[in-house]
Amino acid sequence: MELLKRILTAVVLIPIVLVLILRSPIPVVALIAALVALLSVQEFLKLSESYGIHPFRWPTYIFVGLFFLFLAISPANKPLLSTAIFVYTVGFAAAFAPFVFLTIGMRRLNLAGAFPAAMVSSFAFAYIALPLGFLVQIREQWSGAFLLLYLLFLVWAGDIFAYFVGRGLGRNLMSPRISPKKTWEGALASLIASLVVGMLLYNYALPISSFLLDLHLIDRRDGYFALQKPPLWPTLLLSAAINIAAQLGDLVESLIKRGAGVKDSGAILPGHGGMLDRIDALLFAAPVLWYYAAWRVMQ
């Protein structure tokens, strides 16, 4: 029953996510990312209560919301400019967050709880909001929709193969204290699946982009229409790096949940748990792809 719920939820959500990411204008993408971020932050703050911390809820929500509001109004037609502005915004927001939350903590009667609360809010911003902000900024780049498609397919393929191969063939536990069901066999299957998907998307980037353009799901600037392909090995290295980052993201969230003594971060998605459970791999994988996309723009 649990597996059936997991499959049905994926069947319903995946087409919706793809259409929203491919077709929506940048402000709408930022709004969707903000909604996902706020739901995930809410779950994370609830997890922090299991560690005896009383977090700053509304100040954290407002800080995260303002971050995505800025992304929604940043210039989307100039990738180099939008990348530079994004870097300045991320650097400033990440450095400013601890001071904002510590200042709010001065109003608490229990000063012993002010620093842990500020620490959790700052970490929630860096751990959840910033990586989702990377996704928005990737979408702003040339070929941004195709890059996000590449990222999602890699992460989903790795997750699916890790799950089914781990359940069927897994014998050697990877980290039993943190995630008792994860195996090295599943991890290897995940890596191989991501490499295969990355290679297929590399080989068929032009026809896939043309197909999406014909369906009016993307504009020309959002697809990959280069006639001369780059070398294959950088794509394979990037695919491997994204997969490894995604698997680490999954383990990190498992560590947080294990310390909190819970199985799932929430129950919003039947068969998958909470929103944070669904995006944990993306939180580590998105910065890897963003760095590649930013480096490409700077060339």
Protein backbone atom coordinates (compact mmCIF):
# COMPACT_ATOMS: atom_id res chain seq x y z
CA MET A 1 0.00 0.00 0.00
CA GLU A 2 2.81 2.41 0.89
CA LEU A 3 4.57 1.69 -2.42
CA LEU A 4 1.32 2.22 -4.34
CA LYS A 5 0.81 5.60 -2.66
CA ARG A 6 4.38 6.54 -3.53
CA ILE A 7 3.89 5.65 -7.21
CA LEU A 8 0.50 7.37 -7.52
CA THR A 9 1.79 10.56 -5.92
CA ALA A 10 4.74 10.61 -8.30
CA VAL A 11 2.50 9.97 -11.34
CA VAL A 12 0.30 12.92 -10.40
CA LEU A 13 3.01 15.36 -9.31
CA ILE A 14 5.76 14.83 -11.92
CA PRO A 15 3.80 16.13 -14.95
CA ILE A 16 2.58 19.12 -12.94
CA VAL A 17 6.09 19.96 -11.76
CA LEU A 18 7.52 19.63 -15.28
CA VAL A 19 4.88 21.87 -16.88
CA LEU A 20 5.26 24.50 -14.16
CA ILE A 21 9.05 24.55 -14.42
CA LEU A 22 9.20 24.49 -18.22
CA ARG A 23 6.40 26.87 -19.09
CA SER A 24 6.05 29.30 -16.19
CA PRO A 25 7.68 32.76 -16.35
CA ILE A 26 10.46 33.48 -13.85
CA PRO A 27 8.24 35.28 -11.27
CA VAL A 28 5.92 32.24 -11.18
CA VAL A 29 8.89 29.87 -10.84
CA ALA A 30 10.13 32.01 -7.93
CA LEU A 31 6.66 31.89 -6.36
CA ILE A 32 6.52 28.09 -6.66
CA ALA A 33 10.03 27.79 -5.18
CA ALA A 34 9.00 30.12 -2.35
CA LEU A 35 5.96 27.96 -1.56
CA VAL A 36 8.07 24.78 -1.52
CA ALA A 37 10.70 26.54 0.60
CA LEU A 38 8.18 27.79 3.15
CA LEU A 39 6.55 24.37 3.49
CA SER A 40 9.97 22.74 3.90
CA VAL A 41 11.14 25.38 6.38
CA GLN A 42 7.96 24.85 8.40
CA GLU A 43 8.73 21.12 8.59
CA PHE A 44 12.37 21.80 9.46
CA LEU A 45 11.45 24.20 12.28
CA LYS A 46 9.07 21.57 13.66
CA LEU A 47 11.91 19.03 13.58
CA SER A 48 14.08 21.45 15.54
CA GLU A 49 11.58 21.36 18.40
CA SER A 50 12.53 17.71 18.95
CA TYR A 51 16.02 18.99 19.80
CA GLY A 52 14.58 21.20 22.54
CA ILE A 53 14.77 24.39 20.43
CA HIS A 54 11.94 26.92 20.16
CA PRO A 55 12.50 28.47 16.73
CA PHE A 56 11.59 31.91 15.40
CA ARG A 57 8.78 30.88 13.08
CA TRP A 58 7.35 34.04 11.52
CA PRO A 59 10.66 35.92 11.28
CA THR A 60 12.11 32.92 9.39
CA TYR A 61 9.11 32.74 7.04
CA ILE A 62 9.32 36.47 6.33
CA PHE A 63 13.08 36.38 5.70
CA VAL A 64 12.70 33.46 3.28
CA GLY A 65 9.74 35.10 1.56
CA LEU A 66 11.62 38.37 1.01
CA PHE A 67 14.52 36.45 -0.52
CA PHE A 68 12.27 34.87 -3.15
CA LEU A 69 10.47 38.15 -3.75
CA PHE A 70 13.80 39.66 -4.73
CA LEU A 71 14.49 36.74 -7.08
CA ALA A 72 11.08 37.21 -8.70
CA ILE A 73 11.86 40.82 -9.68
CA SER A 74 15.52 40.35 -10.71
CA PRO A 75 16.34 40.73 -14.44
CA ALA A 76 15.70 37.47 -16.30
CA ASN A 77 16.68 38.58 -19.80
CA LYS A 78 20.37 39.09 -19.04
CA PRO A 79 21.90 35.88 -17.59
CA LEU A 80 25.27 37.44 -16.78
CA LEU A 81 23.68 40.34 -14.92
CA SER A 82 21.16 38.13 -13.11
CA THR A 83 23.95 35.76 -12.05
CA ALA A 84 26.03 38.59 -10.61
CA ILE A 85 23.05 40.06 -8.76
CA PHE A 86 22.15 36.63 -7.42
CA VAL A 87 25.68 36.08 -6.10
CA TYR A 88 25.62 39.45 -4.31
CA THR A 89 22.15 38.74 -2.91
CA VAL A 90 23.09 35.27 -1.64
CA GLY A 91 26.29 36.51 -0.04
CA PHE A 92 24.58 39.42 1.67
CA ALA A 93 21.55 37.41 2.82
CA ALA A 94 23.65 34.53 4.19
CA ALA A 95 25.92 36.92 6.10
CA PHE A 96 23.04 39.09 7.31
CA ALA A 97 20.71 36.29 8.47
CA PRO A 98 22.52 35.47 11.76
CA PHE A 99 22.51 39.13 12.81
CA VAL A 100 18.81 39.49 12.00
CA PHE A 101 17.78 36.46 14.01
CA LEU A 102 20.11 37.20 16.92
CA THR A 103 18.68 40.71 17.10
CA ILE A 104 15.18 39.22 17.23
CA GLY A 105 16.43 36.87 19.96
CA MET A 106 17.16 39.87 22.22
CA ARG A 107 13.41 40.18 22.81
CA ARG A 108 13.13 36.69 24.31
CA LEU A 109 12.59 36.31 28.01
CA ASN A 110 14.64 33.12 27.99
CA LEU A 111 17.95 34.35 26.59
CA ALA A 112 19.44 30.86 26.78
CA GLY A 113 17.12 29.87 23.92
CA ALA A 114 17.88 32.88 21.73
CA PHE A 115 21.10 31.62 20.20
CA PRO A 116 19.80 28.09 19.34
CA ALA A 117 16.68 29.63 17.79
CA ALA A 118 18.74 32.08 15.71
CA MET A 119 21.07 29.26 14.68
CA VAL A 120 18.16 27.10 13.47
CA SER A 121 16.60 29.98 11.50
CA SER A 122 19.92 30.84 9.86
CA PHE A 123 20.53 27.21 9.00
CA ALA A 124 16.99 26.82 7.62
CA PHE A 125 17.68 29.70 5.25
CA ALA A 126 21.06 28.36 4.12
CA TYR A 127 19.96 24.72 3.95
CA ILE A 128 16.57 25.13 2.24
CA ALA A 129 15.95 28.61 0.81
CA LEU A 130 19.34 29.19 -0.83
CA PRO A 131 19.44 25.91 -2.82
CA LEU A 132 15.87 26.48 -4.04
CA GLY A 133 16.95 29.98 -4.99
CA PHE A 134 19.70 28.36 -7.07
CA LEU A 135 16.96 26.54 -9.01
CA VAL A 136 15.24 29.83 -9.82
CA GLN A 137 18.49 31.37 -10.98
CA ILE A 138 19.31 28.34 -13.14
CA ARG A 139 15.94 28.82 -14.83
CA GLU A 140 16.99 32.37 -15.71
CA GLN A 141 20.01 31.18 -17.69
CA TRP A 142 20.08 30.42 -21.40
CA SER A 143 18.89 26.79 -21.78
CA GLY A 144 17.66 27.12 -18.20
CA ALA A 145 14.54 25.01 -18.66
CA PHE A 146 16.57 22.20 -20.23
CA LEU A 147 19.12 22.39 -17.41
CA LEU A 148 16.36 22.02 -14.81
CA LEU A 149 14.92 19.12 -16.78
CA TYR A 150 18.36 17.51 -16.77
CA LEU A 151 18.70 18.06 -13.01
CA LEU A 152 15.27 16.67 -12.13
CA PHE A 153 15.61 13.61 -14.36
CA LEU A 154 19.03 12.82 -12.91
CA VAL A 155 17.84 13.13 -9.32
CA TRP A 156 14.60 11.23 -9.94
CA ALA A 157 16.33 8.42 -11.84
CA GLY A 158 18.94 8.07 -9.11
CA ASP A 159 16.27 8.04 -6.39
CA ILE A 160 14.11 5.45 -8.18
CA PHE A 161 16.96 3.03 -8.89
CA ALA A 162 18.41 3.43 -5.39
CA TYR A 163 15.00 2.62 -3.92
CA PHE A 164 14.15 -0.46 -5.99
CA VAL A 165 17.66 -1.93 -6.32
CA GLY A 166 18.30 -1.30 -2.63
CA ARG A 167 15.07 -3.09 -1.68
CA GLY A 168 15.62 -6.01 -4.05
CA LEU A 169 19.37 -6.56 -4.12
CA GLY A 170 20.81 -4.48 -1.29
CA ARG A 171 22.91 -6.41 1.19
CA ASN A 172 25.64 -4.03 2.39
CA LEU A 173 24.30 -1.20 4.51
CA MET A 174 25.75 2.22 3.77
CA SER A 175 25.03 4.03 7.04
CA PRO A 176 22.82 1.94 9.35
CA ARG A 177 22.88 4.48 12.20
CA ILE A 178 21.55 7.25 9.95
CA SER A 179 19.51 5.48 7.27
CA PRO A 180 19.02 1.75 7.99
CA LYS A 181 17.59 0.92 4.54
CA LYS A 182 20.21 2.57 2.34
CA THR A 183 22.73 0.16 0.80
CA TRP A 184 25.88 0.45 -1.26
CA GLU A 185 24.19 -1.57 -4.01
CA GLY A 186 21.40 1.00 -4.16
CA ALA A 187 23.91 3.85 -4.16
CA LEU A 188 25.84 2.31 -7.07
CA ALA A 189 22.62 1.72 -9.02
CA SER A 190 21.67 5.34 -8.38
CA LEU A 191 24.99 6.58 -9.77
CA ILE A 192 24.78 4.37 -12.86
CA ALA A 193 21.19 5.47 -13.53
CA SER A 194 22.16 9.15 -13.33
CA LEU A 195 25.11 8.62 -15.68
CA VAL A 196 22.89 6.83 -18.20
CA VAL A 197 20.19 9.52 -18.03
CA GLY A 198 22.80 12.26 -18.30
CA MET A 199 24.31 10.62 -21.38
CA LEU A 200 20.89 10.18 -23.02
CA LEU A 201 19.94 13.79 -22.40
CA TYR A 202 23.35 14.84 -23.75
CA ASN A 203 22.89 12.81 -26.95
CA TYR A 204 19.29 13.88 -27.53
CA ALA A 205 19.39 17.45 -26.20
CA LEU A 206 18.55 19.03 -29.56
CA PRO A 207 15.56 16.79 -30.49
CA ILE A 208 14.21 16.99 -26.91
CA SER A 209 14.43 20.78 -26.97
CA SER A 210 12.81 20.90 -30.40
CA PHE A 211 10.00 18.62 -29.20
CA LEU A 212 9.33 20.81 -26.17
CA LEU A 213 9.44 23.92 -28.36
CA ASP A 214 6.90 22.41 -30.79
CA LEU A 215 4.60 21.69 -27.84
CA HIS A 216 5.00 25.34 -26.72
CA LEU A 217 6.31 24.17 -23.36
CA ILE A 218 9.50 26.23 -23.67
CA ASP A 219 10.74 29.30 -25.54
CA ARG A 220 13.79 29.01 -27.75
CA ARG A 221 16.07 30.64 -25.14
CA ASP A 222 15.09 27.95 -22.62
CA GLY A 223 16.11 24.93 -24.72
CA TYR A 224 19.41 23.54 -25.96
CA PHE A 225 19.80 24.18 -29.68
CA ALA A 226 23.59 24.17 -30.16
CA LEU A 227 24.55 22.33 -33.33
CA GLN A 228 28.03 21.47 -32.06
CA LYS A 229 28.04 19.35 -28.90
CA PRO A 230 30.59 19.86 -26.14
CA PRO A 231 32.78 16.88 -25.16
CA LEU A 232 30.91 14.04 -23.45
CA TRP A 233 33.19 13.58 -20.45
CA PRO A 234 32.35 16.93 -18.75
CA THR A 235 28.66 15.98 -18.90
CA LEU A 236 29.40 12.60 -17.32
CA LEU A 237 31.49 14.24 -14.58
CA LEU A 238 28.72 16.75 -13.93
CA SER A 239 26.12 13.95 -13.82
CA ALA A 240 28.25 11.99 -11.34
CA ALA A 241 28.80 15.07 -9.15
CA ILE A 242 25.06 15.84 -9.13
CA ASN A 243 24.19 12.25 -8.21
CA ILE A 244 26.72 12.10 -5.36
CA ALA A 245 25.51 15.45 -4.04
CA ALA A 246 21.89 14.24 -4.23
CA GLN A 247 22.68 11.08 -2.27
CA LEU A 248 24.50 13.11 0.37
CA GLY A 249 21.50 15.43 0.58
CA ASP A 250 19.27 12.44 1.27
CA LEU A 251 21.61 11.21 4.01
CA VAL A 252 21.88 14.63 5.64
CA GLU A 253 18.12 14.93 5.96
CA SER A 254 18.01 11.38 7.36
CA LEU A 255 20.57 12.47 9.96
CA ILE A 256 18.35 15.38 11.02
CA LYS A 257 15.26 13.16 11.24
CA ARG A 258 17.13 10.40 13.05
CA GLY A 259 18.30 12.87 15.68
CA ALA A 260 14.73 14.14 16.02
CA GLY A 261 13.41 10.58 16.36
CA VAL A 262 10.98 10.74 13.43
CA LYS A 263 10.62 8.78 10.18
CA ASP A 264 9.32 11.58 7.93
CA SER A 265 9.55 15.36 8.08
CA GLY A 266 5.80 15.63 7.47
CA ALA A 267 2.81 13.98 5.82
CA ILE A 268 1.85 16.38 3.02
CA LEU A 269 2.77 13.93 0.21
CA PRO A 270 1.21 10.43 0.50
CA GLY A 271 3.87 7.73 0.28
CA HIS A 272 6.70 10.28 0.33
CA GLY A 273 6.29 11.99 3.69
CA GLY A 274 6.86 15.71 3.90
CA MET A 275 7.97 18.31 1.39
CA LEU A 276 11.47 18.27 2.86
CA ASP A 277 11.60 14.50 2.33
CA ARG A 278 10.84 15.05 -1.35
CA ILE A 279 13.40 17.81 -2.03
CA ASP A 280 16.26 16.74 0.25
CA ALA A 281 18.36 15.47 -2.66
CA LEU A 282 17.74 18.62 -4.72
CA LEU A 283 19.00 20.82 -1.88
CA PHE A 284 22.52 19.47 -2.38
CA ALA A 285 22.33 18.81 -6.13
CA ALA A 286 21.01 22.23 -7.21
CA PRO A 287 24.11 24.21 -6.10
CA VAL A 288 26.33 21.84 -8.12
CA LEU A 289 24.39 22.48 -11.32
CA TRP A 290 24.11 26.19 -10.55
CA TYR A 291 27.89 26.45 -10.25
CA TYR A 292 28.26 24.79 -13.65
CA ALA A 293 25.63 27.08 -15.21
CA ALA A 294 27.22 30.19 -13.70
CA TRP A 295 30.68 29.13 -14.85
CA ARG A 296 29.30 28.56 -18.35
CA VAL A 297 27.76 32.05 -18.44
CA MET A 298 31.04 33.63 -17.33
CA GLN A 299 33.00 32.02 -20.16
